Amino acid sequence: MAESLMKLEVTTPDRSFYTGEVRMAEFTTTEGNVGIYPKHIPMTMIVAPGILTITEADGTKKQAALMKGFVEITKEAVNILAEVAEWPGEIDVERMERAKRRAEERLKHRNDTDLHRAEMSLRRALVREELSKKI
């Protein structure tokens, strides 16, 4: 592996989403947005819904919707275990729009619906919406 690259693995419960050597990985954690380069200090973080931006070895950037999970960072690799990861073309736009409307309605009426659950549902829908516009 070249010195300026690191291994990135993104795994979901149903598939190996991405494996490759990359220059950088950017994603959202519960602490905010982070960008990880090779030789980063080892650590673990909690992944929050957001857009994963992968800068590949040749400089090509790929983006995907990345939902909650965990990340392990070593000097040589980033391993993301995510509940859901989707490429832009995999996003069901109609389903996303329905989920967004439902979440907004729940937040608007605030009856006995779990507020946190509705907020997270809206956040996931907004991530998918942002990414689907980039297709």
C-alpha atoms as a PDB file:
ATOM      1  CA  MET A   1       0.000   0.000   0.000  1.00  0.00           C
ATOM      2  CA  ALA A   2       1.387   3.414  -0.948  1.00  0.00           C
ATOM      3  CA  GLU A   3       2.361   5.668   1.928  1.00  0.00           C
ATOM      4  CA  SER A   4      -0.302   8.265   1.102  1.00  0.00           C
ATOM      5  CA  LEU A   5      -3.139   5.736   1.069  1.00  0.00           C
ATOM      6  CA  MET A   6      -5.127   3.805   3.653  1.00  0.00           C
ATOM      7  CA  LYS A   7      -7.565   0.941   3.452  1.00  0.00           C
ATOM      8  CA  LEU A   8     -11.257   1.787   3.779  1.00  0.00           C
ATOM      9  CA  GLU A   9     -13.847  -0.880   4.488  1.00  0.00           C
ATOM     10  CA  VAL A  10     -17.539  -0.083   4.843  1.00  0.00           C
ATOM     11  CA  THR A  11     -19.676  -3.010   5.914  1.00  0.00           C
ATOM     12  CA  THR A  12     -23.423  -3.214   6.506  1.00  0.00           C
ATOM     13  CA  PRO A  13     -25.381  -6.172   7.884  1.00  0.00           C
ATOM     14  CA  ASP A  14     -26.246  -7.333   4.364  1.00  0.00           C
ATOM     15  CA  ARG A  15     -23.107  -6.595   2.326  1.00  0.00           C
ATOM     16  CA  SER A  16     -19.565  -5.393   1.983  1.00  0.00           C
ATOM     17  CA  PHE A  17     -20.416  -1.904   0.735  1.00  0.00           C
ATOM     18  CA  TYR A  18     -16.942  -0.597  -0.125  1.00  0.00           C
ATOM     19  CA  THR A  19     -13.385  -1.879   0.104  1.00  0.00           C
ATOM     20  CA  GLY A  20     -10.413  -0.046  -1.338  1.00  0.00           C
ATOM     21  CA  GLU A  21      -7.335   2.062  -0.850  1.00  0.00           C
ATOM     22  CA  VAL A  22      -8.209   5.727  -0.408  1.00  0.00           C
ATOM     23  CA  ARG A  23      -6.604   9.097   0.221  1.00  0.00           C
ATOM     24  CA  MET A  24      -9.309  10.295   2.582  1.00  0.00           C
ATOM     25  CA  ALA A  25     -12.684   9.432   4.090  1.00  0.00           C
ATOM     26  CA  GLU A  26     -15.106  12.114   5.301  1.00  0.00           C
ATOM     27  CA  PHE A  27     -18.263  11.347   7.280  1.00  0.00           C
ATOM     28  CA  THR A  28     -20.494  12.507  10.109  1.00  0.00           C
ATOM     29  CA  THR A  29     -20.104  11.361  13.698  1.00  0.00           C
ATOM     30  CA  THR A  30     -22.029  12.199  16.843  1.00  0.00           C
ATOM     31  CA  GLU A  31     -19.254  14.746  17.491  1.00  0.00           C
ATOM     32  CA  GLY A  32     -19.553  16.393  14.058  1.00  0.00           C
ATOM     33  CA  ASN A  33     -18.026  15.994  10.592  1.00  0.00           C
ATOM     34  CA  VAL A  34     -14.584  14.404  10.355  1.00  0.00           C
ATOM     35  CA  GLY A  35     -12.028  13.828   7.636  1.00  0.00           C
ATOM     36  CA  ILE A  36      -9.617  10.928   8.088  1.00  0.00           C
ATOM     37  CA  TYR A  37      -6.269  10.730   6.293  1.00  0.00           C
ATOM     38  CA  PRO A  38      -3.679   7.927   6.360  1.00  0.00           C
ATOM     39  CA  LYS A  39      -1.681   7.655   9.596  1.00  0.00           C
ATOM     40  CA  HIS A  40      -4.515   9.119  11.672  1.00  0.00           C
ATOM     41  CA  ILE A  41      -4.292   8.485  15.397  1.00  0.00           C
ATOM     42  CA  PRO A  42      -6.114   5.282  16.351  1.00  0.00           C
ATOM     43  CA  MET A  43      -9.602   5.844  17.725  1.00  0.00           C
ATOM     44  CA  THR A  44     -13.218   4.778  17.590  1.00  0.00           C
ATOM     45  CA  MET A  45     -16.259   6.963  16.957  1.00  0.00           C
ATOM     46  CA  ILE A  46     -20.011   6.674  16.589  1.00  0.00           C
ATOM     47  CA  VAL A  47     -21.311   7.302  13.068  1.00  0.00           C
ATOM     48  CA  ALA A  48     -24.344   9.589  12.692  1.00  0.00           C
ATOM     49  CA  PRO A  49     -26.512   9.976   9.577  1.00  0.00           C
ATOM     50  CA  GLY A  50     -24.662  11.939   6.923  1.00  0.00           C
ATOM     51  CA  ILE A  51     -22.834  11.778   3.628  1.00  0.00           C
ATOM     52  CA  LEU A  52     -19.725   9.638   3.293  1.00  0.00           C
ATOM     53  CA  THR A  53     -17.233  11.171   0.863  1.00  0.00           C
ATOM     54  CA  ILE A  54     -14.485   8.835  -0.318  1.00  0.00           C
ATOM     55  CA  THR A  55     -11.433  10.279  -2.068  1.00  0.00           C
ATOM     56  CA  GLU A  56      -9.973   7.359  -3.981  1.00  0.00           C
ATOM     57  CA  ALA A  57      -6.310   6.792  -4.821  1.00  0.00           C
ATOM     58  CA  ASP A  58      -6.639   8.559  -8.195  1.00  0.00           C
ATOM     59  CA  GLY A  59      -8.420  11.571  -6.642  1.00  0.00           C
ATOM     60  CA  THR A  60     -11.912  10.497  -7.732  1.00  0.00           C
ATOM     61  CA  LYS A  61     -14.571  11.354  -5.151  1.00  0.00           C
ATOM     62  CA  LYS A  62     -17.511   9.068  -4.451  1.00  0.00           C
ATOM     63  CA  GLN A  63     -20.397   9.874  -2.146  1.00  0.00           C
ATOM     64  CA  ALA A  64     -22.865   7.666  -0.315  1.00  0.00           C
ATOM     65  CA  ALA A  65     -25.534   8.017   2.346  1.00  0.00           C
ATOM     66  CA  LEU A  66     -24.162   6.594   5.592  1.00  0.00           C
ATOM     67  CA  MET A  67     -26.464   5.968   8.523  1.00  0.00           C
ATOM     68  CA  LYS A  68     -25.660   5.172  12.119  1.00  0.00           C
ATOM     69  CA  GLY A  69     -22.927   2.769  13.124  1.00  0.00           C
ATOM     70  CA  PHE A  70     -19.380   2.639  14.435  1.00  0.00           C
ATOM     71  CA  VAL A  71     -15.958   3.414  12.989  1.00  0.00           C
ATOM     72  CA  GLU A  72     -12.568   2.052  13.985  1.00  0.00           C
ATOM     73  CA  ILE A  73      -9.566   4.049  12.831  1.00  0.00           C
ATOM     74  CA  THR A  74      -5.990   2.778  12.807  1.00  0.00           C
ATOM     75  CA  LYS A  75      -2.919   4.310  11.177  1.00  0.00           C
ATOM     76  CA  GLU A  76      -3.419   2.034   8.156  1.00  0.00           C
ATOM     77  CA  ALA A  77      -7.183   1.618   7.894  1.00  0.00           C
ATOM     78  CA  VAL A  78     -10.696   2.911   8.523  1.00  0.00           C
ATOM     79  CA  ASN A  79     -13.340   0.267   9.205  1.00  0.00           C
ATOM     80  CA  ILE A  80     -16.940   1.455   9.231  1.00  0.00           C
ATOM     81  CA  LEU A  81     -19.742  -0.815  10.445  1.00  0.00           C
ATOM     82  CA  ALA A  82     -22.935   0.907   9.373  1.00  0.00           C
ATOM     83  CA  GLU A  83     -26.592   0.091   9.730  1.00  0.00           C
ATOM     84  CA  VAL A  84     -27.193   1.382   6.178  1.00  0.00           C
ATOM     85  CA  ALA A  85     -24.965   2.653   3.366  1.00  0.00           C
ATOM     86  CA  GLU A  86     -26.404   3.595  -0.038  1.00  0.00           C
ATOM     87  CA  TRP A  87     -24.977   4.909  -3.282  1.00  0.00           C
ATOM     88  CA  PRO A  88     -27.024   7.766  -4.829  1.00  0.00           C
ATOM     89  CA  GLY A  89     -28.544   5.474  -7.457  1.00  0.00           C
ATOM     90  CA  GLU A  90     -29.757   3.060  -4.780  1.00  0.00           C
ATOM     91  CA  ILE A  91     -31.908   5.653  -3.021  1.00  0.00           C
ATOM     92  CA  ASP A  92     -35.640   5.135  -3.458  1.00  0.00           C
ATOM     93  CA  VAL A  93     -36.623   8.809  -3.875  1.00  0.00           C
ATOM     94  CA  GLU A  94     -40.370   8.209  -3.504  1.00  0.00           C
ATOM     95  CA  ARG A  95     -39.844   6.256  -0.275  1.00  0.00           C
ATOM     96  CA  MET A  96     -37.484   8.955   0.996  1.00  0.00           C
ATOM     97  CA  GLU A  97     -40.042  11.688   0.291  1.00  0.00           C
ATOM     98  CA  ARG A  98     -42.772   9.730   2.113  1.00  0.00           C
ATOM     99  CA  ALA A  99     -40.493   9.197   5.119  1.00  0.00           C
ATOM    100  CA  LYS A 100     -39.602  12.880   5.155  1.00  0.00           C
ATOM    101  CA  ARG A 101     -43.266  13.951   5.086  1.00  0.00           C
ATOM    102  CA  ARG A 102     -44.167  11.470   7.862  1.00  0.00           C
ATOM    103  CA  ALA A 103     -41.318  12.683  10.069  1.00  0.00           C
ATOM    104  CA  GLU A 104     -42.178  16.339   9.490  1.00  0.00           C
ATOM    105  CA  GLU A 105     -45.827  15.624  10.318  1.00  0.00           C
ATOM    106  CA  ARG A 106     -44.896  13.808  13.527  1.00  0.00           C
ATOM    107  CA  LEU A 107     -42.643  16.668  14.588  1.00  0.00           C
ATOM    108  CA  LYS A 108     -45.350  19.206  13.770  1.00  0.00           C
ATOM    109  CA  HIS A 109     -48.052  17.522  15.844  1.00  0.00           C
ATOM    110  CA  ARG A 110     -45.846  16.169  18.643  1.00  0.00           C
ATOM    111  CA  ASN A 111     -48.535  13.966  20.116  1.00  0.00           C
ATOM    112  CA  ASP A 112     -47.267  10.871  21.892  1.00  0.00           C
ATOM    113  CA  THR A 113     -44.804  10.037  19.115  1.00  0.00           C
ATOM    114  CA  ASP A 114     -41.227   9.526  20.189  1.00  0.00           C
ATOM    115  CA  LEU A 115     -39.702  12.913  19.344  1.00  0.00           C
ATOM    116  CA  HIS A 116     -36.131  11.628  19.016  1.00  0.00           C
ATOM    117  CA  ARG A 117     -37.235   8.863  16.651  1.00  0.00           C
ATOM    118  CA  ALA A 118     -39.056  11.358  14.428  1.00  0.00           C
ATOM    119  CA  GLU A 119     -36.032  13.685  14.389  1.00  0.00           C
ATOM    120  CA  MET A 120     -33.702  10.840  13.395  1.00  0.00           C
ATOM    121  CA  SER A 121     -36.118   9.695  10.693  1.00  0.00           C
ATOM    122  CA  LEU A 122     -36.184  13.216   9.278  1.00  0.00           C
ATOM    123  CA  ARG A 123     -32.391  13.442   9.427  1.00  0.00           C
ATOM    124  CA  ARG A 124     -32.009  10.179   7.477  1.00  0.00           C
ATOM    125  CA  ALA A 125     -34.516  11.382   4.876  1.00  0.00           C
ATOM    126  CA  LEU A 126     -32.677  14.694   4.492  1.00  0.00           C
ATOM    127  CA  VAL A 127     -29.338  12.904   3.975  1.00  0.00           C
ATOM    128  CA  ARG A 128     -30.899  10.752   1.268  1.00  0.00           C
ATOM    129  CA  GLU A 129     -32.564  13.787  -0.286  1.00  0.00           C
ATOM    130  CA  GLU A 130     -29.285  15.732  -0.439  1.00  0.00           C
ATOM    131  CA  LEU A 131     -27.423  12.827  -1.965  1.00  0.00           C
ATOM    132  CA  SER A 132     -30.173  11.967  -4.468  1.00  0.00           C
ATOM    133  CA  LYS A 133     -29.964  15.497  -5.872  1.00  0.00           C
ATOM    134  CA  LYS A 134     -26.350  14.800  -6.858  1.00  0.00           C
ATOM    135  CA  ILE A 135     -27.271  11.971  -9.228  1.00  0.00           C
END
